Amino acid sequence: MKILVTGAAGFIGMTTSLRLLARGDEVVGLDNLNDYYEVSLKEARLARLTGHANFRFVKLDVGDRAGMEALFAAEKFDKVIHLAAQAGVRYSIQNPHAYVDSNLLGFINVLEGCRHNQVQHLVYASSSSVYGGNTKMPFSEHDSVDHPVSLYAATKKANELMAHTYSHLYGLPTTGLRFFTVYGPWGRPDMALFLFTKAILEGRPIDVFNHGNMKRDFTYIDDIVEGVIRVMDRTAAANPEYDPIAADPATSNVPYRVFNIGNNNPVQLLDFIGAIENALGMKAEKRLLPLQDGDVPATYANTDLLNDWVGFVPGTSVEDGVGRFVSWYRDYYKV
């Protein structure tokens, strides 16, 4: 299969591309290599892909309408995994336009490319942040997600709505994956695991928000990628039991699906920090701070629908996952 992976120099994009290449797929990786975080890390990820005969890299911004039209027309992809986005809940408060350009304009360019070039299935990254102000746990795809608390979350909810529209109007099969706090080797430097590990090794205090009263459904990268590829392989289909009178947000009468992909096991932030301390053999100095704007105190994924659809749910423990990250970090940064 010929697959477009957008955001291929990103954390999830690189790991997904490696798995696809390992099983023999042809991968075209797209990334704009922006400087939201250190470009050298993105280039190092990319270097792990460019040695493969079945991989080609295209430097392009998903917001470039003409460039995206030309790419789709020339390549005729079988399937698309759309992972490129402007990430970060907190960054969206300071830089709203970056999210509109990448997450909305970029997504419509992907949808249009799929629509006009007979792409068989579009799998795209949504986010657990769409659950916003919801407090009913665990978060279920059957729940309403109409109360976002950050612009980032609003753009991801908008992506789901846009995907449904294209599934309805053009019969394009689309599947959105609501990722829950992804972590692991080659991860993003703006995420807590990276920030905490770096600070502890450098003897600096770590910022612990909501005074440590946070729970996250930390999900290991290999589990995320397994879910992405299994979902890509099972093309979205209309739910024959869908009832428009009691409209269920999780499915539709068109080829549209959304799934949570999380560990189904929320962990206290202070326990997560404890796992980092154990892996490093060092103690953290904690600076307890209030909850930040746009953040939520807890996330928890119900993964029953994912299990029913592809027979898989994540299960890597935080202890194992953090240990693997710390080993990678020490090796990569030589510390």
Protein backbone atom coordinates (compact mmCIF):
# COMPACT_ATOMS: atom_id res chain seq x y z
CA MET A 1 0.00 0.00 0.00
CA LYS A 2 1.07 3.56 -0.66
CA ILE A 3 0.43 5.65 2.44
CA LEU A 4 0.83 9.36 3.13
CA VAL A 5 1.89 10.11 6.69
CA THR A 6 1.68 13.82 7.52
CA GLY A 7 3.79 15.02 10.43
CA ALA A 8 6.30 12.27 9.61
CA ALA A 9 9.13 14.02 11.49
CA GLY A 10 6.93 14.20 14.58
CA PHE A 11 6.88 11.82 17.52
CA ILE A 12 3.88 9.71 16.49
CA GLY A 13 4.50 10.22 12.75
CA MET A 14 8.03 8.83 12.81
CA THR A 15 7.11 5.80 14.92
CA THR A 16 4.07 5.04 12.74
CA SER A 17 6.13 5.38 9.56
CA LEU A 18 8.77 2.95 10.89
CA ARG A 19 6.09 0.35 11.61
CA LEU A 20 4.53 0.74 8.16
CA LEU A 21 7.93 0.42 6.46
CA ALA A 22 8.76 -2.66 8.53
CA ARG A 23 5.72 -4.45 7.16
CA GLY A 24 6.44 -3.48 3.56
CA ASP A 25 4.24 -0.46 2.89
CA GLU A 26 5.41 2.44 0.74
CA VAL A 27 5.43 5.62 2.83
CA VAL A 28 5.53 9.23 1.70
CA GLY A 29 6.32 11.32 4.76
CA LEU A 30 5.32 14.98 4.84
CA ASP A 31 6.47 17.57 7.38
CA ASN A 32 7.17 21.31 7.41
CA LEU A 33 9.94 20.93 10.05
CA ASN A 34 8.73 24.02 11.92
CA ASP A 35 10.55 25.34 14.97
CA TYR A 36 7.80 24.84 17.59
CA TYR A 37 10.48 22.73 19.28
CA GLU A 38 14.08 21.83 18.44
CA VAL A 39 14.32 21.11 14.71
CA SER A 40 17.42 18.94 15.28
CA LEU A 41 15.23 16.34 17.03
CA LYS A 42 12.83 16.30 14.07
CA GLU A 43 15.78 15.90 11.70
CA ALA A 44 17.14 13.04 13.81
CA ARG A 45 13.76 11.30 13.67
CA LEU A 46 13.65 11.81 9.91
CA ALA A 47 17.12 10.31 9.56
CA ARG A 48 15.72 7.05 10.95
CA LEU A 49 13.29 6.94 7.99
CA THR A 50 15.27 8.23 5.03
CA GLY A 51 17.49 5.13 4.83
CA HIS A 52 14.48 2.98 3.86
CA ALA A 53 14.04 2.29 0.14
CA ASN A 54 10.25 2.55 0.48
CA PHE A 55 10.32 5.99 2.17
CA ARG A 56 10.31 9.41 0.54
CA PHE A 57 10.26 12.72 2.37
CA VAL A 58 8.38 15.79 1.15
CA LYS A 59 9.00 19.07 2.94
CA LEU A 60 5.64 20.78 2.75
CA ASP A 61 3.20 22.58 5.03
CA VAL A 62 -0.30 21.06 5.12
CA GLY A 63 -1.57 24.64 5.00
CA ASP A 64 -0.07 25.07 1.50
CA ARG A 65 -3.16 24.53 -0.63
CA ALA A 66 -1.49 24.42 -4.05
CA GLY A 67 1.34 22.21 -2.77
CA MET A 68 -1.09 19.75 -1.19
CA GLU A 69 -3.26 19.60 -4.32
CA ALA A 70 -0.20 18.83 -6.46
CA LEU A 71 1.09 16.18 -4.04
CA PHE A 72 -2.20 14.28 -3.89
CA ALA A 73 -2.70 14.48 -7.66
CA ALA A 74 0.80 13.21 -8.39
CA GLU A 75 1.01 10.42 -5.80
CA LYS A 76 -2.46 8.82 -5.75
CA PHE A 77 -2.22 7.51 -2.18
CA ASP A 78 -4.19 4.43 -1.13
CA LYS A 79 -4.60 5.66 2.46
CA VAL A 80 -3.70 8.71 4.51
CA ILE A 81 -2.62 8.98 8.15
CA HIS A 82 -2.88 12.65 9.07
CA LEU A 83 -0.80 13.44 12.16
CA ALA A 84 0.51 16.91 11.25
CA ALA A 85 -0.92 19.60 13.51
CA GLN A 86 0.09 22.50 15.65
CA ALA A 87 0.26 20.73 18.99
CA GLY A 88 0.08 21.99 22.55
CA VAL A 89 -2.87 23.11 24.64
CA ARG A 90 -1.03 25.93 26.42
CA TYR A 91 0.65 27.27 23.26
CA SER A 92 -2.79 27.68 21.65
CA ILE A 93 -3.68 30.39 24.15
CA GLN A 94 -0.73 32.58 23.05
CA ASN A 95 -0.70 31.69 19.34
CA PRO A 96 -4.27 31.07 18.16
CA HIS A 97 -3.61 31.79 14.48
CA ALA A 98 -1.04 28.99 14.24
CA TYR A 99 -3.79 26.53 15.18
CA VAL A 100 -6.22 27.85 12.60
CA ASP A 101 -3.58 27.68 9.85
CA SER A 102 -2.40 24.16 10.60
CA ASN A 103 -5.33 22.39 12.24
CA LEU A 104 -8.21 23.86 10.22
CA LEU A 105 -6.83 25.04 6.88
CA GLY A 106 -4.38 22.14 6.84
CA PHE A 107 -7.13 19.65 7.55
CA ILE A 108 -9.40 20.91 4.79
CA ASN A 109 -6.48 20.55 2.36
CA VAL A 110 -6.07 16.92 3.45
CA LEU A 111 -9.81 16.25 3.12
CA GLU A 112 -9.90 17.80 -0.34
CA GLY A 113 -6.86 15.80 -1.42
CA CYS A 114 -8.52 12.58 -0.26
CA ARG A 115 -11.84 13.47 -1.87
CA HIS A 116 -10.43 14.27 -5.31
CA ASN A 117 -7.97 11.37 -5.50
CA GLN A 118 -10.00 8.34 -4.42
CA VAL A 119 -8.22 7.78 -1.11
CA GLN A 120 -9.68 4.63 0.46
CA HIS A 121 -9.44 5.70 4.13
CA LEU A 122 -8.36 8.79 6.06
CA VAL A 123 -7.17 8.22 9.64
CA TYR A 124 -6.48 11.44 11.54
CA ALA A 125 -5.33 12.53 14.97
CA SER A 126 -7.99 13.92 17.25
CA SER A 127 -7.32 14.36 20.96
CA SER A 128 -8.58 13.56 24.43
CA SER A 129 -8.76 17.34 24.86
CA VAL A 130 -12.09 17.33 22.96
CA TYR A 131 -13.70 16.15 26.21
CA GLY A 132 -12.98 19.61 27.62
CA GLY A 133 -15.01 20.37 30.71
CA ASN A 134 -16.57 16.89 30.95
CA THR A 135 -16.19 15.29 34.38
CA LYS A 136 -17.99 11.96 33.83
CA MET A 137 -15.28 9.29 33.87
CA PRO A 138 -14.12 7.40 31.94
CA PHE A 139 -14.53 9.56 28.83
CA SER A 140 -16.66 7.75 26.26
CA GLU A 141 -17.14 8.38 22.55
CA HIS A 142 -20.88 8.27 23.27
CA ASP A 143 -20.53 11.46 25.37
CA SER A 144 -21.15 14.97 24.09
CA VAL A 145 -17.91 16.89 23.41
CA ASP A 146 -19.32 20.39 23.01
CA HIS A 147 -17.50 22.22 25.81
CA PRO A 148 -13.82 22.66 24.85
CA VAL A 149 -11.58 24.59 27.26
CA SER A 150 -8.75 25.43 24.81
CA LEU A 151 -8.56 26.52 21.19
CA TYR A 152 -6.46 23.41 20.48
CA ALA A 153 -9.37 21.24 21.68
CA ALA A 154 -11.82 23.27 19.60
CA THR A 155 -9.75 22.70 16.44
CA LYS A 156 -9.67 18.95 17.09
CA LYS A 157 -13.43 18.84 17.60
CA ALA A 158 -13.77 20.87 14.40
CA ASN A 159 -11.67 18.24 12.58
CA GLU A 160 -14.12 15.54 13.63
CA LEU A 161 -17.05 17.61 12.36
CA MET A 162 -15.28 18.36 9.07
CA ALA A 163 -14.43 14.66 8.62
CA HIS A 164 -18.05 13.67 9.19
CA THR A 165 -19.17 16.19 6.58
CA TYR A 166 -16.84 14.66 3.97
CA SER A 167 -17.92 11.15 4.92
CA HIS A 168 -21.53 12.28 4.40
CA LEU A 169 -21.14 14.34 1.22
CA TYR A 170 -18.54 12.27 -0.62
CA GLY A 171 -18.56 8.85 1.02
CA LEU A 172 -14.96 9.32 2.18
CA PRO A 173 -14.23 6.82 4.99
CA THR A 174 -12.73 8.74 7.94
CA THR A 175 -11.61 7.62 11.38
CA GLY A 176 -10.55 10.02 14.13
CA LEU A 177 -8.36 8.83 16.99
CA ARG A 178 -8.59 10.67 20.29
CA PHE A 179 -5.06 10.26 21.64
CA PHE A 180 -4.58 10.31 25.43
CA THR A 181 -1.25 11.80 26.67
CA VAL A 182 1.19 9.96 24.42
CA TYR A 183 4.72 9.43 25.77
CA GLY A 184 7.84 7.40 25.08
CA PRO A 185 11.24 7.47 23.32
CA TRP A 186 11.71 10.22 20.70
CA GLY A 187 8.87 12.17 22.37
CA ARG A 188 8.08 15.88 22.27
CA PRO A 189 10.27 18.24 24.32
CA ASP A 190 7.26 20.34 25.37
CA MET A 191 5.58 17.39 27.13
CA ALA A 192 5.82 16.77 30.88
CA LEU A 193 7.96 13.61 30.71
CA PHE A 194 10.63 15.37 28.64
CA LEU A 195 10.53 18.57 30.71
CA PHE A 196 10.68 16.71 34.03
CA THR A 197 13.49 14.38 32.98
CA LYS A 198 15.60 17.26 31.67
CA ALA A 199 15.05 19.40 34.78
CA ILE A 200 15.78 16.60 37.26
CA LEU A 201 19.01 15.69 35.47
CA GLU A 202 20.05 19.36 35.48
CA GLY A 203 19.21 19.79 39.17
CA ARG A 204 16.39 22.28 38.49
CA PRO A 205 12.94 22.24 40.12
CA ILE A 206 9.97 20.94 38.13
CA ASP A 207 6.66 22.80 37.77
CA VAL A 208 3.81 20.61 39.04
CA PHE A 209 0.43 22.10 38.16
CA ASN A 210 -2.81 21.89 40.15
CA HIS A 211 -0.53 21.22 43.14
CA GLY A 212 -0.03 17.69 41.83
CA ASN A 213 -3.75 16.86 41.87
CA MET A 214 -3.75 15.76 38.23
CA LYS A 215 -4.55 12.42 36.66
CA ARG A 216 -3.60 11.46 33.13
CA ASP A 217 -4.25 8.37 31.06
CA PHE A 218 -0.61 8.14 29.93
CA THR A 219 -0.41 6.03 26.76
CA TYR A 220 2.83 4.53 25.48
CA ILE A 221 3.88 5.31 21.92
CA ASP A 222 4.05 1.69 20.71
CA ASP A 223 0.47 1.12 21.86
CA ILE A 224 -0.67 4.25 20.05
CA VAL A 225 0.99 3.15 16.81
CA GLU A 226 -0.47 -0.35 17.06
CA GLY A 227 -3.91 1.23 17.36
CA VAL A 228 -3.32 3.66 14.47
CA ILE A 229 -2.27 0.89 12.08
CA ARG A 230 -5.00 -1.54 13.09
CA VAL A 231 -7.59 1.21 12.61
CA MET A 232 -6.13 2.18 9.23
CA ASP A 233 -6.40 -1.45 8.11
CA ARG A 234 -10.11 -1.60 8.99
CA THR A 235 -11.79 1.02 6.85
CA ALA A 236 -14.50 3.09 8.53
CA ALA A 237 -18.03 1.97 7.69
CA ALA A 238 -21.52 3.23 8.35
CA ASN A 239 -23.16 1.81 11.48
CA PRO A 240 -26.26 -0.10 10.30
CA GLU A 241 -27.80 0.33 13.76
CA TYR A 242 -27.32 4.10 13.88
CA ASP A 243 -30.53 5.86 14.94
CA PRO A 244 -30.72 9.54 13.91
CA ILE A 245 -33.53 10.10 16.42
CA ALA A 246 -31.16 9.22 19.28
CA ALA A 247 -28.01 10.36 17.48
CA ASP A 248 -24.91 8.72 18.98
CA PRO A 249 -21.78 10.91 18.61
CA ALA A 250 -19.57 7.80 18.35
CA THR A 251 -20.84 6.55 14.96
CA SER A 252 -23.02 7.55 12.05
CA ASN A 253 -25.04 6.34 9.09
CA VAL A 254 -22.05 7.32 6.92
CA PRO A 255 -18.48 5.84 6.91
CA TYR A 256 -17.26 7.80 9.92
CA ARG A 257 -15.81 6.62 13.23
CA VAL A 258 -14.07 8.13 16.24
CA PHE A 259 -12.21 6.13 18.87
CA ASN A 260 -10.48 6.82 22.15
CA ILE A 261 -6.98 5.42 22.26
CA GLY A 262 -5.71 5.55 25.82
CA ASN A 263 -4.38 3.24 28.50
CA ASN A 264 -7.74 2.98 30.34
CA ASN A 265 -5.77 3.46 33.56
CA PRO A 266 -5.33 7.03 34.80
CA VAL A 267 -2.20 7.69 36.86
CA GLN A 268 -1.68 10.42 39.45
CA LEU A 269 0.83 12.99 38.24
CA LEU A 270 2.87 12.55 41.44
CA ASP A 271 3.06 8.78 40.77
CA PHE A 272 4.20 9.51 37.21
CA ILE A 273 6.93 11.75 38.63
CA GLY A 274 7.82 8.92 41.02
CA ALA A 275 8.33 6.60 38.04
CA ILE A 276 10.71 9.16 36.48
CA GLU A 277 12.61 9.49 39.78
CA ASN A 278 12.95 5.71 40.01
CA ALA A 279 14.18 5.41 36.42
CA LEU A 280 16.72 8.21 36.92
CA GLY A 281 17.76 7.23 40.44
CA MET A 282 17.29 10.89 41.42
CA LYS A 283 14.72 12.89 43.38
CA ALA A 284 12.80 15.83 41.92
CA GLU A 285 12.47 19.20 43.59
CA LYS A 286 8.79 20.07 43.03
CA ARG A 287 7.35 23.54 42.61
CA LEU A 288 3.59 23.20 43.21
CA LEU A 289 1.52 25.60 41.08
CA PRO A 290 -2.19 26.20 40.30
CA LEU A 291 -4.03 24.62 37.35
CA GLN A 292 -3.19 26.41 34.11
CA ASP A 293 -5.71 27.97 31.72
CA GLY A 294 -6.91 25.46 29.15
CA ASP A 295 -5.87 22.45 31.23
CA VAL A 296 -8.12 19.82 32.82
CA PRO A 297 -7.50 17.99 36.11
CA ALA A 298 -8.10 14.45 34.80
CA THR A 299 -8.37 12.30 31.67
CA TYR A 300 -9.48 8.67 31.49
CA ALA A 301 -10.24 6.74 28.29
CA ASN A 302 -13.00 4.20 27.87
CA THR A 303 -11.52 1.96 25.15
CA ASP A 304 -14.38 -0.53 24.66
CA LEU A 305 -15.24 0.71 21.16
CA LEU A 306 -11.62 0.47 19.99
CA ASN A 307 -11.39 -3.07 21.36
CA ASP A 308 -14.65 -4.06 19.65
CA TRP A 309 -13.47 -2.60 16.33
CA VAL A 310 -9.85 -3.83 16.09
CA GLY A 311 -9.36 -6.24 19.02
CA PHE A 312 -6.67 -4.17 20.70
CA VAL A 313 -6.30 -1.82 23.64
CA PRO A 314 -3.13 -0.20 25.03
CA GLY A 315 -1.64 -1.76 28.14
CA THR A 316 1.99 -0.70 28.68
CA SER A 317 2.57 0.26 32.32
CA VAL A 318 3.92 3.71 33.19
CA GLU A 319 6.90 2.10 34.94
CA ASP A 320 7.92 0.22 31.78
CA GLY A 321 7.21 3.12 29.43
CA VAL A 322 9.00 5.75 31.52
CA GLY A 323 11.97 3.41 31.95
CA ARG A 324 12.28 3.05 28.17
CA PHE A 325 12.02 6.81 27.69
CA VAL A 326 14.73 7.56 30.27
CA SER A 327 17.06 5.00 28.65
CA TRP A 328 16.51 6.65 25.26
CA TYR A 329 16.93 10.18 26.70
CA ARG A 330 20.24 9.36 28.39
CA ASP A 331 21.54 7.74 25.20
CA TYR A 332 20.34 10.47 22.83
CA TYR A 333 21.56 13.42 24.91
CA LYS A 334 24.58 11.54 26.35
CA VAL A 335 23.69 12.34 29.99
